[in-house]
């Protein structure tokens, strides 16, 4: 499971940086939204104000319980 943010006006012919947010063991869960709440490390890059300055694709993988 993972969360993926793609810029609002995504253009497949344009290059975008990839922001990869790796959570720590504190949010190991089967709920992929927990990654988004840990320190806001992933969501801060998807904020409209940040996307205006630095358009990027944001990927936040989730490590699950087995």
PDB file of N, CA and C in Angstrom:
ATOM      1  N   UNK A   1       0.840  -1.176   0.000  1.00  0.00           N
ATOM      2  CA  UNK A   1       0.000   0.000   0.000  1.00  0.00           C
ATOM      3  C   UNK A   1       0.890   1.246   0.000  1.00  0.00           C
ATOM      4  N   UNK A   2       0.358   2.303  -0.536  1.00  0.00           N
ATOM      5  CA  UNK A   2       1.110   3.557  -0.588  1.00  0.00           C
ATOM      6  C   UNK A   2       0.154   4.699  -0.886  1.00  0.00           C
ATOM      7  N   UNK A   3       0.629   5.899  -0.651  1.00  0.00           N
ATOM      8  CA  UNK A   3      -0.072   7.115  -1.040  1.00  0.00           C
ATOM      9  C   UNK A   3       0.758   7.774  -2.123  1.00  0.00           C
ATOM     10  N   UNK A   4       0.088   8.255  -3.146  1.00  0.00           N
ATOM     11  CA  UNK A   4       0.773   8.909  -4.248  1.00  0.00           C
ATOM     12  C   UNK A   4       0.064  10.214  -4.566  1.00  0.00           C
ATOM     13  N   UNK A   5       0.837  11.292  -4.563  1.00  0.00           N
ATOM     14  CA  UNK A   5       0.305  12.593  -4.963  1.00  0.00           C
ATOM     15  C   UNK A   5       0.901  12.949  -6.314  1.00  0.00           C
ATOM     16  N   UNK A   6       0.028  13.305  -7.239  1.00  0.00           N
ATOM     17  CA  UNK A   6       0.444  13.749  -8.572  1.00  0.00           C
ATOM     18  C   UNK A   6      -0.012  15.203  -8.712  1.00  0.00           C
ATOM     19  N   UNK A   7       0.854  16.085  -9.199  1.00  0.00           N
ATOM     20  CA  UNK A   7       0.475  17.501  -9.327  1.00  0.00           C
ATOM     21  C   UNK A   7      -0.856  17.693 -10.067  1.00  0.00           C
ATOM     22  N   UNK A   8      -1.571  18.707  -9.640  1.00  0.00           N
ATOM     23  CA  UNK A   8      -2.905  19.004 -10.173  1.00  0.00           C
ATOM     24  C   UNK A   8      -2.916  19.084 -11.699  1.00  0.00           C
ATOM     25  N   UNK A   9      -1.992  19.800 -12.267  1.00  0.00           N
ATOM     26  CA  UNK A   9      -1.939  19.971 -13.721  1.00  0.00           C
ATOM     27  C   UNK A   9      -0.834  19.099 -14.321  1.00  0.00           C
ATOM     28  N   UNK A  10      -0.795  17.851 -13.913  1.00  0.00           N
ATOM     29  CA  UNK A  10       0.247  16.923 -14.356  1.00  0.00           C
ATOM     30  C   UNK A  10       0.323  16.861 -15.881  1.00  0.00           C
ATOM     31  N   UNK A  11       1.543  16.962 -16.391  1.00  0.00           N
ATOM     32  CA  UNK A  11       1.791  16.879 -17.820  1.00  0.00           C
ATOM     33  C   UNK A  11       2.744  15.702 -18.050  1.00  0.00           C
ATOM     34  N   UNK A  12       2.318  14.645 -18.733  1.00  0.00           N
ATOM     35  CA  UNK A  12       3.181  13.475 -18.909  1.00  0.00           C
ATOM     36  C   UNK A  12       4.444  13.752 -19.720  1.00  0.00           C
ATOM     37  N   UNK A  13       4.517  14.884 -20.381  1.00  0.00           N
ATOM     38  CA  UNK A  13       5.697  15.226 -21.172  1.00  0.00           C
ATOM     39  C   UNK A  13       6.696  16.089 -20.395  1.00  0.00           C
ATOM     40  N   UNK A  14       6.352  16.429 -19.177  1.00  0.00           N
ATOM     41  CA  UNK A  14       7.209  17.245 -18.326  1.00  0.00           C
ATOM     42  C   UNK A  14       7.880  16.358 -17.274  1.00  0.00           C
ATOM     43  N   UNK A  15       9.096  16.700 -16.879  1.00  0.00           N
ATOM     44  CA  UNK A  15       9.793  15.956 -15.833  1.00  0.00           C
ATOM     45  C   UNK A  15       9.481  16.572 -14.476  1.00  0.00           C
ATOM     46  N   UNK A  16       9.229  15.707 -13.494  1.00  0.00           N
ATOM     47  CA  UNK A  16       8.933  16.142 -12.134  1.00  0.00           C
ATOM     48  C   UNK A  16       9.883  15.434 -11.174  1.00  0.00           C
ATOM     49  N   UNK A  17      10.329  16.128 -10.133  1.00  0.00           N
ATOM     50  CA  UNK A  17      11.093  15.425  -9.115  1.00  0.00           C
ATOM     51  C   UNK A  17      10.158  14.506  -8.319  1.00  0.00           C
ATOM     52  N   UNK A  18      10.723  13.461  -7.753  1.00  0.00           N
ATOM     53  CA  UNK A  18       9.969  12.538  -6.914  1.00  0.00           C
ATOM     54  C   UNK A  18      10.413  12.726  -5.475  1.00  0.00           C
ATOM     55  N   UNK A  19       9.454  13.036  -4.607  1.00  0.00           N
ATOM     56  CA  UNK A  19       9.724  13.121  -3.179  1.00  0.00           C
ATOM     57  C   UNK A  19       9.266  11.797  -2.585  1.00  0.00           C
ATOM     58  N   UNK A  20      10.187  11.076  -1.968  1.00  0.00           N
ATOM     59  CA  UNK A  20       9.882   9.783  -1.363  1.00  0.00           C
ATOM     60  C   UNK A  20       9.946   9.939   0.148  1.00  0.00           C
ATOM     61  N   UNK A  21       8.813   9.744   0.809  1.00  0.00           N
ATOM     62  CA  UNK A  21       8.769   9.855   2.262  1.00  0.00           C
ATOM     63  C   UNK A  21       8.690   8.462   2.862  1.00  0.00           C
ATOM     64  N   UNK A  22       9.729   8.075   3.585  1.00  0.00           N
ATOM     65  CA  UNK A  22       9.778   6.769   4.246  1.00  0.00           C
ATOM     66  C   UNK A  22       9.488   6.966   5.731  1.00  0.00           C
ATOM     67  N   UNK A  23       8.401   6.382   6.187  1.00  0.00           N
ATOM     68  CA  UNK A  23       8.044   6.502   7.606  1.00  0.00           C
ATOM     69  C   UNK A  23       8.944   5.606   8.452  1.00  0.00           C
ATOM     70  N   UNK A  24       8.931   5.844   9.761  1.00  0.00           N
ATOM     71  CA  UNK A  24       9.694   4.970  10.649  1.00  0.00           C
ATOM     72  C   UNK A  24       8.770   3.907  11.239  1.00  0.00           C
ATOM     73  N   UNK A  25       9.287   3.074  12.103  1.00  0.00           N
ATOM     74  CA  UNK A  25       8.524   1.950  12.650  1.00  0.00           C
ATOM     75  C   UNK A  25       7.347   2.385  13.523  1.00  0.00           C
ATOM     76  N   UNK A  26       7.265   3.655  13.850  1.00  0.00           N
ATOM     77  CA  UNK A  26       6.172   4.150  14.680  1.00  0.00           C
ATOM     78  C   UNK A  26       4.813   4.113  14.001  1.00  0.00           C
ATOM     79  N   UNK A  27       4.777   3.984  12.695  1.00  0.00           N
ATOM     80  CA  UNK A  27       3.494   3.949  11.989  1.00  0.00           C
ATOM     81  C   UNK A  27       3.324   2.682  11.154  1.00  0.00           C
ATOM     82  N   UNK A  28       3.922   1.592  11.588  1.00  0.00           N
ATOM     83  CA  UNK A  28       3.708   0.312  10.910  1.00  0.00           C
ATOM     84  C   UNK A  28       2.255  -0.076  11.145  1.00  0.00           C
ATOM     85  N   UNK A  29       1.501  -0.221  10.075  1.00  0.00           N
ATOM     86  CA  UNK A  29       0.062  -0.452  10.186  1.00  0.00           C
ATOM     87  C   UNK A  29      -0.470  -0.926   8.847  1.00  0.00           C
ATOM     88  N   UNK A  30      -1.684  -1.435   8.870  1.00  0.00           N
ATOM     89  CA  UNK A  30      -2.369  -1.792   7.625  1.00  0.00           C
ATOM     90  C   UNK A  30      -3.169  -0.618   7.066  1.00  0.00           C
ATOM     91  N   UNK A  31      -3.111   0.521   7.733  1.00  0.00           N
ATOM     92  CA  UNK A  31      -3.832   1.714   7.313  1.00  0.00           C
ATOM     93  C   UNK A  31      -2.852   2.658   6.604  1.00  0.00           C
ATOM     94  N   UNK A  32      -2.967   2.825   5.289  1.00  0.00           N
ATOM     95  CA  UNK A  32      -2.004   3.654   4.556  1.00  0.00           C
ATOM     96  C   UNK A  32      -2.052   5.136   4.905  1.00  0.00           C
ATOM     97  N   UNK A  33      -3.120   5.612   5.517  1.00  0.00           N
ATOM     98  CA  UNK A  33      -3.172   7.041   5.862  1.00  0.00           C
ATOM     99  C   UNK A  33      -2.316   7.372   7.075  1.00  0.00           C
ATOM    100  N   UNK A  34      -1.900   6.379   7.856  1.00  0.00           N
ATOM    101  CA  UNK A  34      -1.039   6.663   9.010  1.00  0.00           C
ATOM    102  C   UNK A  34       0.273   7.286   8.568  1.00  0.00           C
ATOM    103  N   UNK A  35       0.775   6.882   7.425  1.00  0.00           N
ATOM    104  CA  UNK A  35       2.015   7.463   6.908  1.00  0.00           C
ATOM    105  C   UNK A  35       1.880   8.974   6.745  1.00  0.00           C
ATOM    106  N   UNK A  36       0.703   9.433   6.371  1.00  0.00           N
ATOM    107  CA  UNK A  36       0.495  10.854   6.112  1.00  0.00           C
ATOM    108  C   UNK A  36       0.469  11.690   7.383  1.00  0.00           C
ATOM    109  N   UNK A  37       0.217  11.060   8.520  1.00  0.00           N
ATOM    110  CA  UNK A  37       0.107  11.818   9.768  1.00  0.00           C
ATOM    111  C   UNK A  37       1.409  11.883  10.543  1.00  0.00           C
ATOM    112  N   UNK A  38       2.398  11.108  10.181  1.00  0.00           N
ATOM    113  CA  UNK A  38       3.655  11.099  10.920  1.00  0.00           C
ATOM    114  C   UNK A  38       4.506  12.313  10.542  1.00  0.00           C
ATOM    115  N   UNK A  39       4.505  13.293  11.382  1.00  0.00           N
ATOM    116  CA  UNK A  39       5.334  14.464  11.149  1.00  0.00           C
ATOM    117  C   UNK A  39       4.979  15.249   9.899  1.00  0.00           C
ATOM    118  N   UNK A  40       3.935  14.875   9.234  1.00  0.00           N
ATOM    119  CA  UNK A  40       3.477  15.539   8.011  1.00  0.00           C
ATOM    120  C   UNK A  40       4.549  15.565   6.925  1.00  0.00           C
ATOM    121  N   UNK A  41       5.505  14.646   6.996  1.00  0.00           N
ATOM    122  CA  UNK A  41       6.614  14.610   6.046  1.00  0.00           C
ATOM    123  C   UNK A  41       6.200  14.446   4.604  1.00  0.00           C
ATOM    124  N   UNK A  42       5.118  13.724   4.374  1.00  0.00           N
ATOM    125  CA  UNK A  42       4.658  13.523   3.005  1.00  0.00           C
ATOM    126  C   UNK A  42       3.707  14.633   2.561  1.00  0.00           C
ATOM    127  N   UNK A  43       2.779  15.001   3.418  1.00  0.00           N
ATOM    128  CA  UNK A  43       1.735  15.942   2.992  1.00  0.00           C
ATOM    129  C   UNK A  43       2.237  17.363   2.811  1.00  0.00           C
ATOM    130  N   UNK A  44       3.308  17.731   3.501  1.00  0.00           N
ATOM    131  CA  UNK A  44       3.805  19.095   3.357  1.00  0.00           C
ATOM    132  C   UNK A  44       4.205  19.374   1.910  1.00  0.00           C
ATOM    133  N   UNK A  45       4.718  18.374   1.212  1.00  0.00           N
ATOM    134  CA  UNK A  45       5.128  18.559  -0.189  1.00  0.00           C
ATOM    135  C   UNK A  45       3.948  18.643  -1.148  1.00  0.00           C
ATOM    136  N   UNK A  46       2.781  18.182  -0.717  1.00  0.00           N
ATOM    137  CA  UNK A  46       1.592  18.221  -1.573  1.00  0.00           C
ATOM    138  C   UNK A  46       0.729  19.460  -1.328  1.00  0.00           C
ATOM    139  N   UNK A  47       1.097  20.260  -0.340  1.00  0.00           N
ATOM    140  CA  UNK A  47       0.342  21.485  -0.063  1.00  0.00           C
ATOM    141  C   UNK A  47       0.370  22.395  -1.291  1.00  0.00           C
ATOM    142  N   UNK A  48      -0.745  23.055  -1.600  1.00  0.00           N
ATOM    143  CA  UNK A  48      -0.779  23.951  -2.767  1.00  0.00           C
ATOM    144  C   UNK A  48       0.330  25.014  -2.746  1.00  0.00           C
ATOM    145  N   UNK A  49       0.619  25.564  -1.577  1.00  0.00           N
ATOM    146  CA  UNK A  49       1.665  26.595  -1.509  1.00  0.00           C
ATOM    147  C   UNK A  49       3.033  26.021  -1.878  1.00  0.00           C
ATOM    148  N   UNK A  50       3.310  24.794  -1.477  1.00  0.00           N
ATOM    149  CA  UNK A  50       4.596  24.174  -1.807  1.00  0.00           C
ATOM    150  C   UNK A  50       4.627  23.742  -3.271  1.00  0.00           C
ATOM    151  N   UNK A  51       3.506  23.223  -3.779  1.00  0.00           N
ATOM    152  CA  UNK A  51       3.445  22.801  -5.177  1.00  0.00           C
ATOM    153  C   UNK A  51       3.608  23.988  -6.117  1.00  0.00           C
ATOM    154  N   UNK A  52       3.162  25.165  -5.697  1.00  0.00           N
ATOM    155  CA  UNK A  52       3.355  26.370  -6.509  1.00  0.00           C
ATOM    156  C   UNK A  52       4.840  26.672  -6.663  1.00  0.00           C
ATOM    157  N   UNK A  53       5.595  26.467  -5.594  1.00  0.00           N
ATOM    158  CA  UNK A  53       7.042  26.731  -5.625  1.00  0.00           C
ATOM    159  C   UNK A  53       7.823  25.571  -6.223  1.00  0.00           C
ATOM    160  N   UNK A  54       7.430  24.345  -5.897  1.00  0.00           N
ATOM    161  CA  UNK A  54       8.186  23.151  -6.278  1.00  0.00           C
ATOM    162  C   UNK A  54       7.242  22.024  -6.669  1.00  0.00           C
ATOM    163  N   UNK A  55       6.794  22.025  -7.913  1.00  0.00           N
ATOM    164  CA  UNK A  55       5.929  20.935  -8.350  1.00  0.00           C
ATOM    165  C   UNK A  55       6.681  19.612  -8.235  1.00  0.00           C
ATOM    166  N   UNK A  56       6.031  18.620  -7.635  1.00  0.00           N
ATOM    167  CA  UNK A  56       6.676  17.325  -7.461  1.00  0.00           C
ATOM    168  C   UNK A  56       5.631  16.233  -7.303  1.00  0.00           C
ATOM    169  N   UNK A  57       6.043  15.024  -7.617  1.00  0.00           N
ATOM    170  CA  UNK A  57       5.249  13.838  -7.316  1.00  0.00           C
ATOM    171  C   UNK A  57       5.705  13.376  -5.942  1.00  0.00           C
ATOM    172  N   UNK A  58       4.750  13.023  -5.085  1.00  0.00           N
ATOM    173  CA  UNK A  58       5.079  12.619  -3.719  1.00  0.00           C
ATOM    174  C   UNK A  58       4.611  11.182  -3.508  1.00  0.00           C
ATOM    175  N   UNK A  59       5.529  10.327  -3.084  1.00  0.00           N
ATOM    176  CA  UNK A  59       5.234   8.919  -2.830  1.00  0.00           C
ATOM    177  C   UNK A  59       5.508   8.602  -1.369  1.00  0.00           C
ATOM    178  N   UNK A  60       4.513   8.029  -0.700  1.00  0.00           N
ATOM    179  CA  UNK A  60       4.653   7.655   0.709  1.00  0.00           C
ATOM    180  C   UNK A  60       4.232   6.197   0.875  1.00  0.00           C
ATOM    181  N   UNK A  61       5.190   5.256   0.774  1.00  0.00           N
ATOM    182  CA  UNK A  61       4.857   3.845   0.947  1.00  0.00           C
ATOM    183  C   UNK A  61       4.485   3.534   2.394  1.00  0.00           C
ATOM    184  N   UNK A  62       3.711   2.485   2.578  1.00  0.00           N
ATOM    185  CA  UNK A  62       3.277   2.054   3.911  1.00  0.00           C
ATOM    186  C   UNK A  62       3.737   0.633   4.161  1.00  0.00           C
ATOM    187  N   UNK A  63       4.467   0.419   5.240  1.00  0.00           N
ATOM    188  CA  UNK A  63       4.866  -0.921   5.632  1.00  0.00           C
ATOM    189  C   UNK A  63       3.762  -1.511   6.489  1.00  0.00           C
ATOM    190  N   UNK A  64       3.265  -2.675   6.121  1.00  0.00           N
ATOM    191  CA  UNK A  64       2.139  -3.309   6.802  1.00  0.00           C
ATOM    192  C   UNK A  64       2.588  -4.307   7.861  1.00  0.00           C
ATOM    193  N   UNK A  65       1.654  -4.561   8.783  1.00  0.00           N
ATOM    194  CA  UNK A  65       1.827  -5.708   9.661  1.00  0.00           C
ATOM    195  C   UNK A  65       1.691  -6.951   8.816  1.00  0.00           C
ATOM    196  N   UNK A  66       2.389  -7.976   9.152  1.00  0.00           N
ATOM    197  CA  UNK A  66       2.278  -9.231   8.397  1.00  0.00           C
ATOM    198  C   UNK A  66       1.050 -10.003   8.779  1.00  0.00           C
TER     199      UNK A  66
END
